[in-house]
């Protein structure tokens, strides 16, 4: 499940899951979210993401979340997704971290790109929230509150989730 993915556009190494508490490993569980099938639920306090399925089941993933002051909560939808997306940091992020200035107009896809191999874009109505569900190579960040608000998954997990989610799927982020 966390093996190398050599056939990706940029070959992905195996995830170093010994750095992660096994509670955060991808697994099918009972859907305890109360949400209908086809919904993405981010349980921020637990650092878990659920993809709700039929028959009262859900696929559960461990995630890294936004650090204090950078969290988003509410209901929206997954407007679309991208494989190997370009990463463009928001102006506010560049203001906080001037070393990101070279990426103001985008960072090309690569293993080192902060979005990783897949990104899912969260909107409320027609408005982009600027929050994403995306890949992350740093296994140590799973289960932690370290991001600038986005929800991070291991590369293998974001690829799995990307294959399940349909554009327009509801998303609920609870704090």
Protein backbone atom coordinates (compact mmCIF):
# COMPACT_ATOMS: atom_id res chain seq x y z
CA UNK A 1 0.00 0.00 0.00
CA UNK A 2 2.92 2.35 0.64
CA UNK A 3 5.34 0.82 -1.86
CA UNK A 4 7.30 2.77 -4.45
CA UNK A 5 5.32 3.95 -7.49
CA UNK A 6 7.90 3.79 -10.29
CA UNK A 7 5.38 4.39 -13.10
CA UNK A 8 4.35 7.87 -11.98
CA UNK A 9 5.48 10.90 -14.04
CA UNK A 10 8.12 11.39 -11.34
CA UNK A 11 8.84 7.99 -9.74
CA UNK A 12 7.69 8.02 -6.12
CA UNK A 13 9.77 6.25 -3.47
CA UNK A 14 8.17 3.99 -0.87
CA UNK A 15 6.68 5.92 2.04
CA UNK A 16 8.72 5.74 5.24
CA UNK A 17 5.73 4.63 7.32
CA UNK A 18 7.78 3.56 10.33
CA UNK A 19 7.83 7.31 11.09
CA UNK A 20 4.01 7.32 11.41
CA UNK A 21 1.77 6.00 14.16
CA UNK A 22 -0.15 3.06 12.58
CA UNK A 23 -3.47 4.78 13.41
CA UNK A 24 -2.66 7.09 10.48
CA UNK A 25 -2.14 4.30 7.96
CA UNK A 26 -4.84 4.08 5.29
CA UNK A 27 -7.57 1.63 6.24
CA UNK A 28 -11.22 0.87 5.62
CA UNK A 29 -13.32 1.57 8.72
CA UNK A 30 -16.93 2.02 9.81
CA UNK A 31 -18.28 5.40 8.69
CA UNK A 32 -18.80 7.24 11.98
CA UNK A 33 -19.00 10.69 10.35
CA UNK A 34 -22.77 10.80 9.78
CA UNK A 35 -22.11 12.02 6.23
CA UNK A 36 -23.57 10.42 3.10
CA UNK A 37 -21.43 8.32 0.72
CA UNK A 38 -19.16 10.32 -1.56
CA UNK A 39 -18.30 12.96 1.05
CA UNK A 40 -14.81 13.94 2.16
CA UNK A 41 -14.65 14.60 5.91
CA UNK A 42 -11.58 16.09 7.56
CA UNK A 43 -11.59 15.49 11.32
CA UNK A 44 -9.02 18.11 12.25
CA UNK A 45 -8.68 17.29 15.98
CA UNK A 46 -8.01 13.62 15.16
CA UNK A 47 -5.81 14.40 12.13
CA UNK A 48 -7.89 11.99 10.05
CA UNK A 49 -9.62 12.27 6.68
CA UNK A 50 -12.54 10.04 5.70
CA UNK A 51 -13.84 9.24 2.23
CA UNK A 52 -17.36 7.98 2.92
CA UNK A 53 -18.53 4.93 1.01
CA UNK A 54 -21.65 2.80 0.65
CA UNK A 55 -22.79 0.28 3.26
CA UNK A 56 -21.69 2.37 6.22
CA UNK A 57 -18.00 2.17 5.39
CA UNK A 58 -15.28 4.78 4.91
CA UNK A 59 -11.67 4.87 3.79
CA UNK A 60 -9.64 6.61 6.47
CA UNK A 61 -6.33 8.41 5.93
CA UNK A 62 -3.93 10.07 8.32
CA UNK A 63 -3.28 13.73 7.51
CA UNK A 64 -1.19 16.73 8.45
CA UNK A 65 -3.26 19.84 9.05
CA UNK A 66 -2.93 23.60 9.39
CA UNK A 67 -1.03 24.95 12.34
CA UNK A 68 -2.71 27.37 14.74
CA UNK A 69 -4.03 30.40 12.93
CA UNK A 70 -4.06 28.70 9.51
CA UNK A 71 -6.96 26.29 9.82
CA UNK A 72 -10.12 26.38 7.72
CA UNK A 73 -13.42 24.80 8.68
CA UNK A 74 -16.79 24.50 7.11
CA UNK A 75 -18.58 22.91 4.19
CA UNK A 76 -17.59 23.19 0.59
CA UNK A 77 -16.94 20.96 -2.37
CA UNK A 78 -14.01 19.52 -4.24
CA UNK A 79 -14.23 21.64 -7.36
CA UNK A 80 -11.54 19.75 -9.30
CA UNK A 81 -8.18 18.08 -8.97
CA UNK A 82 -4.85 18.07 -10.75
CA UNK A 83 -2.20 15.44 -11.33
CA UNK A 84 1.31 16.76 -10.72
CA UNK A 85 0.05 20.33 -10.24
CA UNK A 86 2.00 23.55 -10.39
CA UNK A 87 2.28 25.10 -6.92
CA UNK A 88 1.73 28.84 -6.62
CA UNK A 89 2.02 30.17 -3.07
CA UNK A 90 -0.54 32.83 -2.15
CA UNK A 91 0.80 36.38 -1.82
CA UNK A 92 0.16 36.27 1.94
CA UNK A 93 2.46 33.25 2.22
CA UNK A 94 5.18 35.00 0.24
CA UNK A 95 4.83 38.01 2.55
CA UNK A 96 5.44 35.70 5.55
CA UNK A 97 8.16 33.72 3.81
CA UNK A 98 10.04 35.98 1.35
CA UNK A 99 12.25 33.08 0.28
CA UNK A 100 9.21 31.83 -1.71
CA UNK A 101 9.30 34.86 -4.03
CA UNK A 102 10.84 32.82 -6.90
CA UNK A 103 7.62 30.76 -6.96
CA UNK A 104 5.19 33.70 -7.14
CA UNK A 105 4.26 32.59 -10.67
CA UNK A 106 4.41 28.89 -9.91
CA UNK A 107 6.72 25.98 -9.14
CA UNK A 108 6.79 23.29 -11.79
CA UNK A 109 5.66 19.75 -10.89
CA UNK A 110 8.31 17.59 -9.24
CA UNK A 111 8.76 15.38 -6.20
CA UNK A 112 9.90 18.48 -4.31
CA UNK A 113 6.82 20.52 -5.30
CA UNK A 114 4.82 21.10 -2.06
CA UNK A 115 1.60 19.80 -3.65
CA UNK A 116 3.15 16.48 -4.62
CA UNK A 117 1.60 14.16 -7.20
CA UNK A 118 -2.05 15.20 -6.76
CA UNK A 119 -4.06 18.12 -5.42
CA UNK A 120 -7.78 18.51 -4.79
CA UNK A 121 -9.07 22.10 -4.78
CA UNK A 122 -11.66 23.14 -2.18
CA UNK A 123 -14.29 25.73 -3.11
CA UNK A 124 -17.27 27.23 -1.32
CA UNK A 125 -19.83 28.11 -3.96
CA UNK A 126 -17.83 29.59 -6.84
CA UNK A 127 -15.03 30.84 -4.54
CA UNK A 128 -11.68 29.09 -4.25
CA UNK A 129 -10.87 28.81 -0.54
CA UNK A 130 -7.13 28.51 -1.41
CA UNK A 131 -7.09 25.35 0.74
CA UNK A 132 -6.11 22.06 -0.82
CA UNK A 133 -5.92 18.36 -0.11
CA UNK A 134 -2.51 17.43 -1.47
CA UNK A 135 0.46 15.13 -1.30
CA UNK A 136 3.39 15.46 1.04
CA UNK A 137 6.64 13.53 1.04
CA UNK A 138 7.47 14.22 4.71
CA UNK A 139 5.95 11.29 6.58
CA UNK A 140 6.77 12.98 9.91
CA UNK A 141 4.14 15.67 9.19
CA UNK A 142 1.26 13.15 9.16
CA UNK A 143 -0.67 13.50 12.41
CA UNK A 144 0.81 16.96 13.02
CA UNK A 145 -0.46 20.56 12.74
CA UNK A 146 2.30 22.06 10.61
CA UNK A 147 0.93 23.33 7.30
CA UNK A 148 -0.25 26.76 6.20
CA UNK A 149 -3.79 25.42 6.26
CA UNK A 150 -3.85 22.71 3.61
CA UNK A 151 -4.50 19.07 4.40
CA UNK A 152 -1.47 16.90 3.63
CA UNK A 153 -1.53 13.20 2.82
CA UNK A 154 1.25 10.78 1.99
CA UNK A 155 1.86 10.58 -1.75
CA UNK A 156 0.37 7.07 -1.95
CA UNK A 157 -2.69 8.17 0.03
CA UNK A 158 -3.41 11.30 -2.02
CA UNK A 159 -3.17 9.21 -5.20
CA UNK A 160 -5.65 6.70 -3.71
CA UNK A 161 -8.03 9.47 -2.59
CA UNK A 162 -7.74 11.27 -5.95
CA UNK A 163 -8.92 8.08 -7.66
CA UNK A 164 -12.03 7.95 -5.47
CA UNK A 165 -13.26 11.56 -5.31
CA UNK A 166 -15.55 12.94 -8.00
CA UNK A 167 -15.48 16.65 -8.86
CA UNK A 168 -18.24 18.41 -6.99
CA UNK A 169 -18.06 15.99 -4.05
CA UNK A 170 -19.00 17.62 -0.75
CA UNK A 171 -16.26 18.24 1.80
CA UNK A 172 -16.70 18.93 5.48
CA UNK A 173 -13.81 20.19 7.63
CA UNK A 174 -14.49 20.07 11.37
CA UNK A 175 -12.28 21.73 14.00
